Amino acid sequence: MNDKHFFSKDKVAKMKRLLEGNGYSAEVKYGEVQLEYIDSVVVITTNSMPLQELKEIGREAFKARCHLIDLKDVLKCENQKLPFNTIDLANYIMTRLENEDTFDSNSQEKKSQ
C-alpha cells in the first residue's frame, strides 16, 4: 500500500476505518468500490512515521488506533538479508504487546487501558 496515498490529508477517514478493523474501501476500475481488509491486523514498518503529512487531529486519530513499537536493537545489515522473516517479526511484535500488557493473545482483543 502506498503510504503517501494512505496517509494523505484527505484519507484520514479511510485510515481510521482500516486501523479499527472496519476495512478499507478500494476502487476497482470499471466496477463498484470494494471493502477489503476487514478485521485485519495492520503492521506498518517504516524508518520514519509519515505523520508529519497530517494535521494534528489526524495524527491524534492515528495514534489513538495504534500501538507504536520502537525496535531497540539496531538491525543494520549491509548486504545481508535481515535476520528475521515475517513470522519472526509477527511473533516479536506479539511478545512485545503481551509483555507490555497491551494485548492478550488468548483473547485476541486489545486490553483496555
PDB file of N, CA and C in Angstrom:
ATOM      1  N   MET A   1       0.852  -1.169   0.000  1.00  0.00           N
ATOM      2  CA  MET A   1       0.000   0.000   0.000  1.00  0.00           C
ATOM      3  C   MET A   1       0.899   1.233   0.000  1.00  0.00           C
ATOM      4  N   ASN A   2       0.613   2.155  -0.825  1.00  0.00           N
ATOM      5  CA  ASN A   2       1.404   3.370  -0.931  1.00  0.00           C
ATOM      6  C   ASN A   2       1.122   4.273   0.267  1.00  0.00           C
ATOM      7  N   ASP A   3       2.128   4.476   1.119  1.00  0.00           N
ATOM      8  CA  ASP A   3       1.902   5.276   2.326  1.00  0.00           C
ATOM      9  C   ASP A   3       1.610   6.733   2.011  1.00  0.00           C
ATOM     10  N   LYS A   4       2.119   7.241   0.905  1.00  0.00           N
ATOM     11  CA  LYS A   4       1.834   8.635   0.540  1.00  0.00           C
ATOM     12  C   LYS A   4       0.344   8.797   0.239  1.00  0.00           C
ATOM     13  N   HIS A   5      -0.239   7.798  -0.382  1.00  0.00           N
ATOM     14  CA  HIS A   5      -1.674   7.818  -0.678  1.00  0.00           C
ATOM     15  C   HIS A   5      -2.475   7.580   0.602  1.00  0.00           C
ATOM     16  N   PHE A   6      -2.047   6.610   1.385  1.00  0.00           N
ATOM     17  CA  PHE A   6      -2.787   6.214   2.581  1.00  0.00           C
ATOM     18  C   PHE A   6      -2.788   7.303   3.648  1.00  0.00           C
ATOM     19  N   PHE A   7      -1.672   7.988   3.826  1.00  0.00           N
ATOM     20  CA  PHE A   7      -1.559   8.993   4.876  1.00  0.00           C
ATOM     21  C   PHE A   7      -1.787  10.412   4.371  1.00  0.00           C
ATOM     22  N   SER A   8      -2.404  10.562   3.230  1.00  0.00           N
ATOM     23  CA  SER A   8      -2.669  11.909   2.742  1.00  0.00           C
ATOM     24  C   SER A   8      -3.773  12.561   3.576  1.00  0.00           C
ATOM     25  N   LYS A   9      -3.822  13.862   3.536  1.00  0.00           N
ATOM     26  CA  LYS A   9      -4.744  14.631   4.385  1.00  0.00           C
ATOM     27  C   LYS A   9      -6.206  14.269   4.150  1.00  0.00           C
ATOM     28  N   ASP A  10      -6.545  13.899   2.932  1.00  0.00           N
ATOM     29  CA  ASP A  10      -7.951  13.605   2.633  1.00  0.00           C
ATOM     30  C   ASP A  10      -8.316  12.133   2.833  1.00  0.00           C
ATOM     31  N   LYS A  11      -7.412  11.335   3.373  1.00  0.00           N
ATOM     32  CA  LYS A  11      -7.673   9.907   3.585  1.00  0.00           C
ATOM     33  C   LYS A  11      -7.772   9.537   5.063  1.00  0.00           C
ATOM     34  N   VAL A  12      -7.904  10.498   5.944  1.00  0.00           N
ATOM     35  CA  VAL A  12      -7.939  10.227   7.384  1.00  0.00           C
ATOM     36  C   VAL A  12      -9.089   9.290   7.742  1.00  0.00           C
ATOM     37  N   ALA A  13     -10.270   9.485   7.165  1.00  0.00           N
ATOM     38  CA  ALA A  13     -11.419   8.627   7.478  1.00  0.00           C
ATOM     39  C   ALA A  13     -11.155   7.181   7.052  1.00  0.00           C
ATOM     40  N   LYS A  14     -10.557   6.995   5.866  1.00  0.00           N
ATOM     41  CA  LYS A  14     -10.218   5.641   5.408  1.00  0.00           C
ATOM     42  C   LYS A  14      -9.188   5.004   6.335  1.00  0.00           C
ATOM     43  N   MET A  15      -8.196   5.779   6.746  1.00  0.00           N
ATOM     44  CA  MET A  15      -7.161   5.285   7.635  1.00  0.00           C
ATOM     45  C   MET A  15      -7.767   4.829   8.955  1.00  0.00           C
ATOM     46  N   LYS A  16      -8.664   5.632   9.514  1.00  0.00           N
ATOM     47  CA  LYS A  16      -9.298   5.290  10.785  1.00  0.00           C
ATOM     48  C   LYS A  16     -10.098   3.995  10.659  1.00  0.00           C
ATOM     49  N   ARG A  17     -10.857   3.839   9.572  1.00  0.00           N
ATOM     50  CA  ARG A  17     -11.639   2.610   9.375  1.00  0.00           C
ATOM     51  C   ARG A  17     -10.740   1.381   9.300  1.00  0.00           C
ATOM     52  N   LEU A  18      -9.653   1.478   8.549  1.00  0.00           N
ATOM     53  CA  LEU A  18      -8.748   0.341   8.401  1.00  0.00           C
ATOM     54  C   LEU A  18      -8.116  -0.035   9.738  1.00  0.00           C
ATOM     55  N   LEU A  19      -7.616   0.941  10.469  1.00  0.00           N
ATOM     56  CA  LEU A  19      -6.932   0.661  11.731  1.00  0.00           C
ATOM     57  C   LEU A  19      -7.886   0.178  12.811  1.00  0.00           C
ATOM     58  N   GLU A  20      -9.167   0.467  12.684  1.00  0.00           N
ATOM     59  CA  GLU A  20     -10.170  -0.031  13.628  1.00  0.00           C
ATOM     60  C   GLU A  20     -10.667  -1.420  13.236  1.00  0.00           C
ATOM     61  N   GLY A  21     -10.212  -1.938  12.091  1.00  0.00           N
ATOM     62  CA  GLY A  21     -10.627  -3.267  11.650  1.00  0.00           C
ATOM     63  C   GLY A  21     -11.887  -3.271  10.813  1.00  0.00           C
ATOM     64  N   ASN A  22     -12.334  -2.094  10.386  1.00  0.00           N
ATOM     65  CA  ASN A  22     -13.578  -1.991   9.625  1.00  0.00           C
ATOM     66  C   ASN A  22     -13.371  -2.018   8.118  1.00  0.00           C
ATOM     67  N   GLY A  23     -12.155  -2.283   7.673  1.00  0.00           N
ATOM     68  CA  GLY A  23     -11.891  -2.422   6.252  1.00  0.00           C
ATOM     69  C   GLY A  23     -11.415  -1.145   5.587  1.00  0.00           C
ATOM     70  N   TYR A  24     -11.027  -1.300   4.345  1.00  0.00           N
ATOM     71  CA  TYR A  24     -10.518  -0.206   3.527  1.00  0.00           C
ATOM     72  C   TYR A  24     -11.229  -0.282   2.189  1.00  0.00           C
ATOM     73  N   SER A  25     -11.847   0.798   1.791  1.00  0.00           N
ATOM     74  CA  SER A  25     -12.569   0.785   0.517  1.00  0.00           C
ATOM     75  C   SER A  25     -11.586   0.975  -0.635  1.00  0.00           C
ATOM     76  N   ALA A  26     -11.625   0.040  -1.554  1.00  0.00           N
ATOM     77  CA  ALA A  26     -10.727   0.070  -2.710  1.00  0.00           C
ATOM     78  C   ALA A  26     -11.554   0.233  -3.973  1.00  0.00           C
ATOM     79  N   GLU A  27     -11.159   1.195  -4.780  1.00  0.00           N
ATOM     80  CA  GLU A  27     -11.866   1.428  -6.035  1.00  0.00           C
ATOM     81  C   GLU A  27     -11.378   0.428  -7.078  1.00  0.00           C
ATOM     82  N   VAL A  28     -12.311  -0.147  -7.812  1.00  0.00           N
ATOM     83  CA  VAL A  28     -11.995  -1.124  -8.848  1.00  0.00           C
ATOM     84  C   VAL A  28     -12.328  -0.499 -10.192  1.00  0.00           C
ATOM     85  N   LYS A  29     -11.393  -0.568 -11.115  1.00  0.00           N
ATOM     86  CA  LYS A  29     -11.611   0.022 -12.433  1.00  0.00           C
ATOM     87  C   LYS A  29     -12.826  -0.615 -13.095  1.00  0.00           C
ATOM     88  N   TYR A  30     -13.752   0.199 -13.525  1.00  0.00           N
ATOM     89  CA  TYR A  30     -14.996  -0.226 -14.172  1.00  0.00           C
ATOM     90  C   TYR A  30     -15.871  -1.092 -13.272  1.00  0.00           C
ATOM     91  N   GLY A  31     -15.711  -0.966 -11.980  1.00  0.00           N
ATOM     92  CA  GLY A  31     -16.524  -1.759 -11.061  1.00  0.00           C
ATOM     93  C   GLY A  31     -16.907  -0.946  -9.839  1.00  0.00           C
ATOM     94  N   GLU A  32     -17.584  -1.610  -8.939  1.00  0.00           N
ATOM     95  CA  GLU A  32     -18.006  -0.946  -7.716  1.00  0.00           C
ATOM     96  C   GLU A  32     -16.866  -0.913  -6.706  1.00  0.00           C
ATOM     97  N   VAL A  33     -16.960  -0.006  -5.786  1.00  0.00           N
ATOM     98  CA  VAL A  33     -15.975   0.076  -4.707  1.00  0.00           C
ATOM     99  C   VAL A  33     -16.110  -1.169  -3.840  1.00  0.00           C
ATOM    100  N   GLN A  34     -14.981  -1.777  -3.504  1.00  0.00           N
ATOM    101  CA  GLN A  34     -14.983  -2.979  -2.674  1.00  0.00           C
ATOM    102  C   GLN A  34     -14.387  -2.664  -1.310  1.00  0.00           C
ATOM    103  N   LEU A  35     -14.950  -3.283  -0.290  1.00  0.00           N
ATOM    104  CA  LEU A  35     -14.423  -3.135   1.059  1.00  0.00           C
ATOM    105  C   LEU A  35     -13.495  -4.311   1.330  1.00  0.00           C
ATOM    106  N   GLU A  36     -12.216  -4.011   1.580  1.00  0.00           N
ATOM    107  CA  GLU A  36     -11.213  -5.047   1.787  1.00  0.00           C
ATOM    108  C   GLU A  36     -10.554  -4.879   3.150  1.00  0.00           C
ATOM    109  N   TYR A  37      -9.814  -5.879   3.568  1.00  0.00           N
ATOM    110  CA  TYR A  37      -9.023  -5.872   4.806  1.00  0.00           C
ATOM    111  C   TYR A  37      -9.884  -5.740   6.058  1.00  0.00           C
ATOM    112  N   ILE A  38     -11.067  -6.335   6.070  1.00  0.00           N
ATOM    113  CA  ILE A  38     -11.935  -6.286   7.246  1.00  0.00           C
ATOM    114  C   ILE A  38     -11.335  -7.177   8.326  1.00  0.00           C
ATOM    115  N   ASP A  39     -11.306  -6.695   9.559  1.00  0.00           N
ATOM    116  CA  ASP A  39     -10.750  -7.406  10.719  1.00  0.00           C
ATOM    117  C   ASP A  39      -9.295  -7.805  10.525  1.00  0.00           C
ATOM    118  N   SER A  40      -8.550  -7.036   9.764  1.00  0.00           N
ATOM    119  CA  SER A  40      -7.135  -7.325   9.540  1.00  0.00           C
ATOM    120  C   SER A  40      -6.278  -6.622  10.579  1.00  0.00           C
ATOM    121  N   VAL A  41      -5.199  -7.281  10.936  1.00  0.00           N
ATOM    122  CA  VAL A  41      -4.190  -6.643  11.773  1.00  0.00           C
ATOM    123  C   VAL A  41      -3.265  -5.894  10.827  1.00  0.00           C
ATOM    124  N   VAL A  42      -3.019  -4.645  11.112  1.00  0.00           N
ATOM    125  CA  VAL A  42      -2.198  -3.817  10.241  1.00  0.00           C
ATOM    126  C   VAL A  42      -0.846  -3.609  10.904  1.00  0.00           C
ATOM    127  N   VAL A  43       0.199  -3.968  10.195  1.00  0.00           N
ATOM    128  CA  VAL A  43       1.560  -3.736  10.668  1.00  0.00           C
ATOM    129  C   VAL A  43       2.210  -2.795   9.672  1.00  0.00           C
ATOM    130  N   ILE A  44       2.644  -1.662  10.157  1.00  0.00           N
ATOM    131  CA  ILE A  44       3.305  -0.675   9.314  1.00  0.00           C
ATOM    132  C   ILE A  44       4.759  -0.622   9.753  1.00  0.00           C
ATOM    133  N   THR A  45       5.661  -0.894   8.843  1.00  0.00           N
ATOM    134  CA  THR A  45       7.078  -0.786   9.158  1.00  0.00           C
ATOM    135  C   THR A  45       7.636   0.402   8.396  1.00  0.00           C
ATOM    136  N   THR A  46       8.400   1.215   9.077  1.00  0.00           N
ATOM    137  CA  THR A  46       8.929   2.415   8.454  1.00  0.00           C
ATOM    138  C   THR A  46      10.134   2.919   9.234  1.00  0.00           C
ATOM    139  N   ASN A  47      10.984   3.642   8.557  1.00  0.00           N
ATOM    140  CA  ASN A  47      12.107   4.284   9.236  1.00  0.00           C
ATOM    141  C   ASN A  47      11.684   5.595   9.873  1.00  0.00           C
ATOM    142  N   SER A  48      10.618   6.174   9.365  1.00  0.00           N
ATOM    143  CA  SER A  48      10.082   7.401   9.955  1.00  0.00           C
ATOM    144  C   SER A  48       8.574   7.420   9.718  1.00  0.00           C
ATOM    145  N   MET A  49       7.839   7.772  10.750  1.00  0.00           N
ATOM    146  CA  MET A  49       6.385   7.789  10.636  1.00  0.00           C
ATOM    147  C   MET A  49       5.948   8.927   9.719  1.00  0.00           C
ATOM    148  N   PRO A  50       5.014   8.672   8.829  1.00  0.00           N
ATOM    149  CA  PRO A  50       4.567   9.697   7.888  1.00  0.00           C
ATOM    150  C   PRO A  50       3.532  10.649   8.491  1.00  0.00           C
ATOM    151  N   LEU A  51       3.550  10.809   9.797  1.00  0.00           N
ATOM    152  CA  LEU A  51       2.525  11.616  10.460  1.00  0.00           C
ATOM    153  C   LEU A  51       2.666  13.112  10.196  1.00  0.00           C
ATOM    154  N   GLN A  52       3.843  13.564   9.776  1.00  0.00           N
ATOM    155  CA  GLN A  52       4.016  14.989   9.527  1.00  0.00           C
ATOM    156  C   GLN A  52       3.132  15.475   8.386  1.00  0.00           C
ATOM    157  N   GLU A  53       2.650  14.547   7.561  1.00  0.00           N
ATOM    158  CA  GLU A  53       1.757  14.905   6.458  1.00  0.00           C
ATOM    159  C   GLU A  53       0.351  15.253   6.944  1.00  0.00           C
ATOM    160  N   LEU A  54       0.013  14.826   8.156  1.00  0.00           N
ATOM    161  CA  LEU A  54      -1.342  15.002   8.671  1.00  0.00           C
ATOM    162  C   LEU A  54      -1.439  16.208   9.589  1.00  0.00           C
ATOM    163  N   LYS A  55      -2.644  16.747   9.681  1.00  0.00           N
ATOM    164  CA  LYS A  55      -2.898  17.790  10.668  1.00  0.00           C
ATOM    165  C   LYS A  55      -2.902  17.156  12.045  1.00  0.00           C
ATOM    166  N   GLU A  56      -2.845  17.967  13.083  1.00  0.00           N
ATOM    167  CA  GLU A  56      -2.775  17.464  14.458  1.00  0.00           C
ATOM    168  C   GLU A  56      -3.913  16.496  14.772  1.00  0.00           C
ATOM    169  N   ILE A  57      -5.119  16.811  14.335  1.00  0.00           N
ATOM    170  CA  ILE A  57      -6.254  15.925  14.623  1.00  0.00           C
ATOM    171  C   ILE A  57      -6.081  14.572  13.926  1.00  0.00           C
ATOM    172  N   GLY A  58      -5.496  14.557  12.739  1.00  0.00           N
ATOM    173  CA  GLY A  58      -5.228  13.307  12.038  1.00  0.00           C
ATOM    174  C   GLY A  58      -4.153  12.494  12.733  1.00  0.00           C
ATOM    175  N   ARG A  59      -3.114  13.164  13.221  1.00  0.00           N
ATOM    176  CA  ARG A  59      -2.055  12.470  13.966  1.00  0.00           C
ATOM    177  C   ARG A  59      -2.617  11.833  15.223  1.00  0.00           C
ATOM    178  N   GLU A  60      -3.470  12.560  15.928  1.00  0.00           N
ATOM    179  CA  GLU A  60      -4.067  12.027  17.158  1.00  0.00           C
ATOM    180  C   GLU A  60      -4.981  10.838  16.848  1.00  0.00           C
ATOM    181  N   ALA A  61      -5.720  10.913  15.734  1.00  0.00           N
ATOM    182  CA  ALA A  61      -6.585   9.799  15.334  1.00  0.00           C
ATOM    183  C   ALA A  61      -5.744   8.557  15.048  1.00  0.00           C
ATOM    184  N   PHE A  62      -4.614   8.745  14.393  1.00  0.00           N
ATOM    185  CA  PHE A  62      -3.722   7.629  14.096  1.00  0.00           C
ATOM    186  C   PHE A  62      -3.161   7.034  15.386  1.00  0.00           C
ATOM    187  N   LYS A  63      -2.645   7.877  16.255  1.00  0.00           N
ATOM    188  CA  LYS A  63      -2.024   7.404  17.499  1.00  0.00           C
ATOM    189  C   LYS A  63      -3.030   6.705  18.410  1.00  0.00           C
ATOM    190  N   ALA A  64      -4.286   7.126  18.377  1.00  0.00           N
ATOM    191  CA  ALA A  64      -5.311   6.512  19.228  1.00  0.00           C
ATOM    192  C   ALA A  64      -5.658   5.097  18.766  1.00  0.00           C
ATOM    193  N   ARG A  65      -5.335   4.767  17.535  1.00  0.00           N
ATOM    194  CA  ARG A  65      -5.702   3.469  16.980  1.00  0.00           C
ATOM    195  C   ARG A  65      -4.508   2.539  16.784  1.00  0.00           C
ATOM    196  N   CYS A  66      -3.356   2.933  17.269  1.00  0.00           N
ATOM    197  CA  CYS A  66      -2.135   2.161  17.034  1.00  0.00           C
ATOM    198  C   CYS A  66      -1.361   1.928  18.315  1.00  0.00           C
ATOM    199  N   HIS A  67      -0.523   0.940  18.235  1.00  0.00           N
ATOM    200  CA  HIS A  67       0.470   0.714  19.275  1.00  0.00           C
ATOM    201  C   HIS A  67       1.816   0.815  18.577  1.00  0.00           C
ATOM    202  N   LEU A  68       2.556   1.861  18.862  1.00  0.00           N
ATOM    203  CA  LEU A  68       3.841   2.063  18.206  1.00  0.00           C
ATOM    204  C   LEU A  68       4.905   1.255  18.926  1.00  0.00           C
ATOM    205  N   ILE A  69       5.682   0.520  18.166  1.00  0.00           N
ATOM    206  CA  ILE A  69       6.770  -0.277  18.722  1.00  0.00           C
ATOM    207  C   ILE A  69       8.065   0.225  18.108  1.00  0.00           C
ATOM    208  N   ASP A  70       8.968   0.657  18.960  1.00  0.00           N
ATOM    209  CA  ASP A  70      10.269   1.122  18.517  1.00  0.00           C
ATOM    210  C   ASP A  70      11.253  -0.020  18.732  1.00  0.00           C
ATOM    211  N   LEU A  71      11.823  -0.523  17.645  1.00  0.00           N
ATOM    212  CA  LEU A  71      12.806  -1.594  17.787  1.00  0.00           C
ATOM    213  C   LEU A  71      14.042  -1.019  18.464  1.00  0.00           C
ATOM    214  N   LYS A  72      14.391  -1.575  19.586  1.00  0.00           N
ATOM    215  CA  LYS A  72      15.504  -1.042  20.360  1.00  0.00           C
ATOM    216  C   LYS A  72      16.856  -1.493  19.820  1.00  0.00           C
ATOM    217  N   ASP A  73      16.879  -2.602  19.119  1.00  0.00           N
ATOM    218  CA  ASP A  73      18.130  -3.115  18.579  1.00  0.00           C
ATOM    219  C   ASP A  73      18.347  -2.565  17.176  1.00  0.00           C
ATOM    220  N   VAL A  74      19.597  -2.280  16.864  1.00  0.00           N
ATOM    221  CA  VAL A  74      19.931  -1.833  15.522  1.00  0.00           C
ATOM    222  C   VAL A  74      19.912  -3.047  14.610  1.00  0.00           C
ATOM    223  N   LEU A  75      19.188  -2.955  13.525  1.00  0.00           N
ATOM    224  CA  LEU A  75      19.031  -4.082  12.610  1.00  0.00           C
ATOM    225  C   LEU A  75      19.744  -3.841  11.283  1.00  0.00           C
ATOM    226  N   LYS A  76      20.803  -3.059  11.323  1.00  0.00           N
ATOM    227  CA  LYS A  76      21.508  -2.726  10.091  1.00  0.00           C
ATOM    228  C   LYS A  76      22.318  -3.929   9.613  1.00  0.00           C
ATOM    229  N   CYS A  77      22.083  -4.338   8.403  1.00  0.00           N
ATOM    230  CA  CYS A  77      22.796  -5.456   7.788  1.00  0.00           C
ATOM    231  C   CYS A  77      23.168  -5.019   6.379  1.00  0.00           C
ATOM    232  N   GLU A  78      24.383  -4.640   6.181  1.00  0.00           N
ATOM    233  CA  GLU A  78      24.834  -4.079   4.908  1.00  0.00           C
ATOM    234  C   GLU A  78      24.213  -4.767   3.693  1.00  0.00           C
ATOM    235  N   ASN A  79      24.789  -5.831   3.222  1.00  0.00           N
ATOM    236  CA  ASN A  79      24.275  -6.518   2.032  1.00  0.00           C
ATOM    237  C   ASN A  79      23.676  -7.869   2.374  1.00  0.00           C
ATOM    238  N   GLN A  80      23.319  -8.057   3.637  1.00  0.00           N
ATOM    239  CA  GLN A  80      22.763  -9.328   4.066  1.00  0.00           C
ATOM    240  C   GLN A  80      21.254  -9.216   4.202  1.00  0.00           C
ATOM    241  N   LYS A  81      20.616 -10.372   4.160  1.00  0.00           N
ATOM    242  CA  LYS A  81      19.184 -10.394   4.415  1.00  0.00           C
ATOM    243  C   LYS A  81      18.959 -10.058   5.879  1.00  0.00           C
ATOM    244  N   LEU A  82      17.822  -9.486   6.182  1.00  0.00           N
ATOM    245  CA  LEU A  82      17.506  -9.207   7.581  1.00  0.00           C
ATOM    246  C   LEU A  82      17.507 -10.516   8.361  1.00  0.00           C
ATOM    247  N   PRO A  83      17.853 -10.452   9.632  1.00  0.00           N
ATOM    248  CA  PRO A  83      17.990 -11.680  10.420  1.00  0.00           C
ATOM    249  C   PRO A  83      16.658 -12.294  10.854  1.00  0.00           C
ATOM    250  N   PHE A  84      15.556 -11.918  10.219  1.00  0.00           N
ATOM    251  CA  PHE A  84      14.258 -12.484  10.577  1.00  0.00           C
ATOM    252  C   PHE A  84      13.340 -12.467   9.365  1.00  0.00           C
ATOM    253  N   ASN A  85      12.301 -13.278   9.437  1.00  0.00           N
ATOM    254  CA  ASN A  85      11.299 -13.281   8.371  1.00  0.00           C
ATOM    255  C   ASN A  85      10.004 -12.691   8.925  1.00  0.00           C
ATOM    256  N   THR A  86       8.952 -12.693   8.139  1.00  0.00           N
ATOM    257  CA  THR A  86       7.701 -12.057   8.575  1.00  0.00           C
ATOM    258  C   THR A  86       7.089 -12.756   9.783  1.00  0.00           C
ATOM    259  N   ILE A  87       7.236 -14.075   9.865  1.00  0.00           N
ATOM    260  CA  ILE A  87       6.687 -14.798  11.019  1.00  0.00           C
ATOM    261  C   ILE A  87       7.453 -14.432  12.284  1.00  0.00           C
ATOM    262  N   ASP A  88       8.783 -14.347  12.180  1.00  0.00           N
ATOM    263  CA  ASP A  88       9.588 -13.935  13.333  1.00  0.00           C
ATOM    264  C   ASP A  88       9.196 -12.528  13.787  1.00  0.00           C
ATOM    265  N   LEU A  89       8.982 -11.631  12.831  1.00  0.00           N
ATOM    266  CA  LEU A  89       8.598 -10.262  13.172  1.00  0.00           C
ATOM    267  C   LEU A  89       7.233 -10.234  13.851  1.00  0.00           C
ATOM    268  N   ALA A  90       6.275 -10.997  13.339  1.00  0.00           N
ATOM    269  CA  ALA A  90       4.942 -11.053  13.956  1.00  0.00           C
ATOM    270  C   ALA A  90       5.020 -11.607  15.373  1.00  0.00           C
ATOM    271  N   ASN A  91       5.820 -12.655  15.576  1.00  0.00           N
ATOM    272  CA  ASN A  91       5.987 -13.214  16.924  1.00  0.00           C
ATOM    273  C   ASN A  91       6.648 -12.216  17.862  1.00  0.00           C
ATOM    274  N   TYR A  92       7.632 -11.475  17.361  1.00  0.00           N
ATOM    275  CA  TYR A  92       8.296 -10.452  18.169  1.00  0.00           C
ATOM    276  C   TYR A  92       7.295  -9.383  18.608  1.00  0.00           C
ATOM    277  N   ILE A  93       6.487  -8.904  17.671  1.00  0.00           N
ATOM    278  CA  ILE A  93       5.511  -7.861  17.995  1.00  0.00           C
ATOM    279  C   ILE A  93       4.485  -8.378  18.988  1.00  0.00           C
ATOM    280  N   MET A  94       3.979  -9.595  18.801  1.00  0.00           N
ATOM    281  CA  MET A  94       3.004 -10.166  19.728  1.00  0.00           C
ATOM    282  C   MET A  94       3.604 -10.294  21.128  1.00  0.00           C
ATOM    283  N   THR A  95       4.850 -10.752  21.214  1.00  0.00           N
ATOM    284  CA  THR A  95       5.515 -10.881  22.515  1.00  0.00           C
ATOM    285  C   THR A  95       5.673  -9.524  23.179  1.00  0.00           C
ATOM    286  N   ARG A  96       6.078  -8.509  22.402  1.00  0.00           N
ATOM    287  CA  ARG A  96       6.213  -7.159  22.968  1.00  0.00           C
ATOM    288  C   ARG A  96       4.880  -6.653  23.498  1.00  0.00           C
ATOM    289  N   LEU A  97       3.807  -6.855  22.736  1.00  0.00           N
ATOM    290  CA  LEU A  97       2.492  -6.391  23.167  1.00  0.00           C
ATOM    291  C   LEU A  97       2.044  -7.119  24.429  1.00  0.00           C
ATOM    292  N   GLU A  98       2.303  -8.421  24.499  1.00  0.00           N
ATOM    293  CA  GLU A  98       1.936  -9.184  25.695  1.00  0.00           C
ATOM    294  C   GLU A  98       2.770  -8.749  26.894  1.00  0.00           C
ATOM    295  N   ASN A  99       4.071  -8.557  26.691  1.00  0.00           N
ATOM    296  CA  ASN A  99       4.953  -8.153  27.783  1.00  0.00           C
ATOM    297  C   ASN A  99       4.631  -6.756  28.293  1.00  0.00           C
ATOM    298  N   GLU A 100       4.150  -5.899  27.413  1.00  0.00           N
ATOM    299  CA  GLU A 100       3.782  -4.546  27.813  1.00  0.00           C
ATOM    300  C   GLU A 100       2.346  -4.496  28.313  1.00  0.00           C
ATOM    301  N   ASP A 101       1.719  -5.682  28.455  1.00  0.00           N
ATOM    302  CA  ASP A 101       0.364  -5.814  28.990  1.00  0.00           C
ATOM    303  C   ASP A 101      -0.647  -5.024  28.168  1.00  0.00           C
ATOM    304  N   THR A 102      -0.453  -5.035  26.864  1.00  0.00           N
ATOM    305  CA  THR A 102      -1.353  -4.333  25.959  1.00  0.00           C
ATOM    306  C   THR A 102      -2.311  -5.283  25.276  1.00  0.00           C
ATOM    307  N   PHE A 103      -1.888  -6.516  25.073  1.00  0.00           N
ATOM    308  CA  PHE A 103      -2.653  -7.440  24.243  1.00  0.00           C
ATOM    309  C   PHE A 103      -2.576  -8.826  24.848  1.00  0.00           C
ATOM    310  N   ASP A 104      -3.694  -9.510  24.915  1.00  0.00           N
ATOM    311  CA  ASP A 104      -3.749 -10.878  25.411  1.00  0.00           C
ATOM    312  C   ASP A 104      -3.970 -11.791  24.214  1.00  0.00           C
ATOM    313  N   SER A 105      -2.963 -12.582  23.853  1.00  0.00           N
ATOM    314  CA  SER A 105      -3.065 -13.413  22.649  1.00  0.00           C
ATOM    315  C   SER A 105      -4.147 -14.473  22.770  1.00  0.00           C
ATOM    316  N   ASN A 106      -4.529 -14.858  23.983  1.00  0.00           N
ATOM    317  CA  ASN A 106      -5.577 -15.861  24.147  1.00  0.00           C
ATOM    318  C   ASN A 106      -6.947 -15.313  23.779  1.00  0.00           C
ATOM    319  N   SER A 107      -7.190 -14.046  24.078  1.00  0.00           N
ATOM    320  CA  SER A 107      -8.497 -13.465  23.770  1.00  0.00           C
ATOM    321  C   SER A 107      -8.506 -12.761  22.421  1.00  0.00           C
ATOM    322  N   GLN A 108      -7.318 -12.480  21.860  1.00  0.00           N
ATOM    323  CA  GLN A 108      -7.180 -11.773  20.592  1.00  0.00           C
ATOM    324  C   GLN A 108      -7.841 -10.398  20.630  1.00  0.00           C
ATOM    325  N   GLU A 109      -7.940  -9.811  21.793  1.00  0.00           N
ATOM    326  CA  GLU A 109      -8.516  -8.476  21.905  1.00  0.00           C
ATOM    327  C   GLU A 109      -7.548  -7.574  22.639  1.00  0.00           C
ATOM    328  N   LYS A 110      -7.567  -6.318  22.264  1.00  0.00           N
ATOM    329  CA  LYS A 110      -6.733  -5.340  22.933  1.00  0.00           C
ATOM    330  C   LYS A 110      -7.302  -5.078  24.320  1.00  0.00           C
ATOM    331  N   LYS A 111      -6.421  -5.094  25.320  1.00  0.00           N
ATOM    332  CA  LYS A 111      -6.873  -4.819  26.681  1.00  0.00           C
ATOM    333  C   LYS A 111      -7.182  -3.340  26.822  1.00  0.00           C
ATOM    334  N   SER A 112      -8.163  -3.015  27.624  1.00  0.00           N
ATOM    335  CA  SER A 112      -8.486  -1.606  27.841  1.00  0.00           C
ATOM    336  C   SER A 112      -7.417  -0.997  28.722  1.00  0.00           C
ATOM    337  N   GLN A 113      -7.104   0.248  28.419  1.00  0.00           N
ATOM    338  CA  GLN A 113      -6.039   0.926  29.164  1.00  0.00           C
ATOM    339  C   GLN A 113      -6.596   2.059  29.968  1.00  0.00           C
TER     340      GLN A 113
END
